[in-house]
Each structure stands twice: as structure tokens, then as C-alpha cells.
Amino acid sequence: LGISGTPALVFSDGRVIPGYLDSERLASMLSLN
């Protein structure tokens, strides 16, 4: 996957998001709000 740091999120559609996300941004990326 080529992940060299943590935290990292890997989504089922293949997106890899490196680094920390605050709860609002994470919810937005997951389409929860």
C-alpha cells in the first residue's frame, strides 16, 4: 500500500488518507453529515 506513517485511513474505494483528521472532516469524508 505504500503507507509510511500513521495514522492513515484506507477506504474501500482505494482512497488513502494519510495523517490525522478531526472528527468533522472525517465525518464529511464518510458522508455522515
N, C-alpha and C. Protein backbone atom coordinates (compact mmCIF):
# COMPACT_ATOMS: atom_id res chain seq x y z
N LEU A 1 0.80 -1.20 0.00
CA LEU A 1 0.00 0.00 0.00
C LEU A 1 0.84 1.26 0.00
N GLY A 2 2.08 1.18 0.36
CA GLY A 2 2.95 2.34 0.35
C GLY A 2 2.72 3.31 1.50
N ILE A 3 2.19 2.83 2.59
CA ILE A 3 1.94 3.69 3.75
C ILE A 3 3.21 3.77 4.58
N SER A 4 3.67 5.00 4.82
CA SER A 4 4.93 5.14 5.56
C SER A 4 4.76 5.81 6.91
N GLY A 5 3.55 6.17 7.27
CA GLY A 5 3.34 6.82 8.56
C GLY A 5 1.98 6.49 9.12
N THR A 6 1.78 6.89 10.35
CA THR A 6 0.48 6.68 10.97
C THR A 6 0.01 7.99 11.56
N PRO A 7 -1.23 8.24 11.72
CA PRO A 7 -2.31 7.37 11.28
C PRO A 7 -2.53 7.49 9.77
N ALA A 8 -3.17 6.49 9.21
CA ALA A 8 -3.56 6.50 7.80
C ALA A 8 -4.87 5.75 7.69
N LEU A 9 -5.77 6.28 6.89
CA LEU A 9 -7.05 5.63 6.64
C LEU A 9 -7.05 5.10 5.22
N VAL A 10 -7.51 3.87 5.04
CA VAL A 10 -7.64 3.28 3.72
C VAL A 10 -9.12 2.95 3.53
N PHE A 11 -9.74 3.59 2.55
CA PHE A 11 -11.15 3.39 2.29
C PHE A 11 -11.37 2.26 1.29
N SER A 12 -12.56 1.69 1.30
CA SER A 12 -12.87 0.56 0.42
C SER A 12 -12.79 0.92 -1.06
N ASP A 13 -12.89 2.22 -1.39
CA ASP A 13 -12.79 2.63 -2.79
C ASP A 13 -11.34 2.88 -3.22
N GLY A 14 -10.40 2.60 -2.31
CA GLY A 14 -8.99 2.72 -2.64
C GLY A 14 -8.33 4.02 -2.20
N ARG A 15 -9.12 4.98 -1.72
CA ARG A 15 -8.53 6.23 -1.24
C ARG A 15 -7.69 5.97 0.00
N VAL A 16 -6.53 6.59 0.05
CA VAL A 16 -5.66 6.53 1.22
C VAL A 16 -5.49 7.95 1.73
N ILE A 17 -5.87 8.17 2.98
CA ILE A 17 -5.78 9.49 3.59
C ILE A 17 -4.73 9.43 4.70
N PRO A 18 -3.54 10.02 4.46
CA PRO A 18 -2.50 9.99 5.48
C PRO A 18 -2.73 11.09 6.51
N GLY A 19 -2.32 10.82 7.72
CA GLY A 19 -2.35 11.83 8.76
C GLY A 19 -3.65 11.89 9.53
N TYR A 20 -3.65 12.76 10.51
CA TYR A 20 -4.78 12.93 11.42
C TYR A 20 -5.90 13.71 10.75
N LEU A 21 -7.14 13.31 10.99
CA LEU A 21 -8.32 14.07 10.57
C LEU A 21 -9.16 14.35 11.81
N ASP A 22 -9.62 15.60 11.95
CA ASP A 22 -10.53 15.87 13.06
C ASP A 22 -11.88 15.22 12.76
N SER A 23 -12.71 15.10 13.78
CA SER A 23 -13.96 14.35 13.65
C SER A 23 -14.89 14.94 12.60
N GLU A 24 -14.92 16.27 12.46
CA GLU A 24 -15.80 16.89 11.46
C GLU A 24 -15.35 16.55 10.04
N ARG A 25 -14.06 16.61 9.80
CA ARG A 25 -13.55 16.30 8.45
C ARG A 25 -13.72 14.82 8.14
N LEU A 26 -13.48 13.96 9.12
CA LEU A 26 -13.66 12.52 8.92
C LEU A 26 -15.12 12.21 8.61
N ALA A 27 -16.05 12.80 9.36
CA ALA A 27 -17.48 12.59 9.11
C ALA A 27 -17.85 13.06 7.71
N SER A 28 -17.28 14.18 7.28
CA SER A 28 -17.54 14.70 5.95
C SER A 28 -17.04 13.73 4.88
N MET A 29 -15.85 13.17 5.08
CA MET A 29 -15.30 12.23 4.10
C MET A 29 -16.11 10.95 4.04
N LEU A 30 -16.72 10.58 5.17
CA LEU A 30 -17.55 9.38 5.22
C LEU A 30 -19.00 9.68 4.85
N SER A 31 -19.27 10.92 4.48
CA SER A 31 -20.62 11.38 4.12
C SER A 31 -21.62 11.18 5.24
N LEU A 32 -21.19 11.48 6.48
CA LEU A 32 -22.07 11.34 7.63
C LEU A 32 -22.78 12.63 7.99
N ASN A 33 -22.38 13.74 7.38
CA ASN A 33 -23.09 15.00 7.63
C ASN A 33 -23.19 15.81 6.38
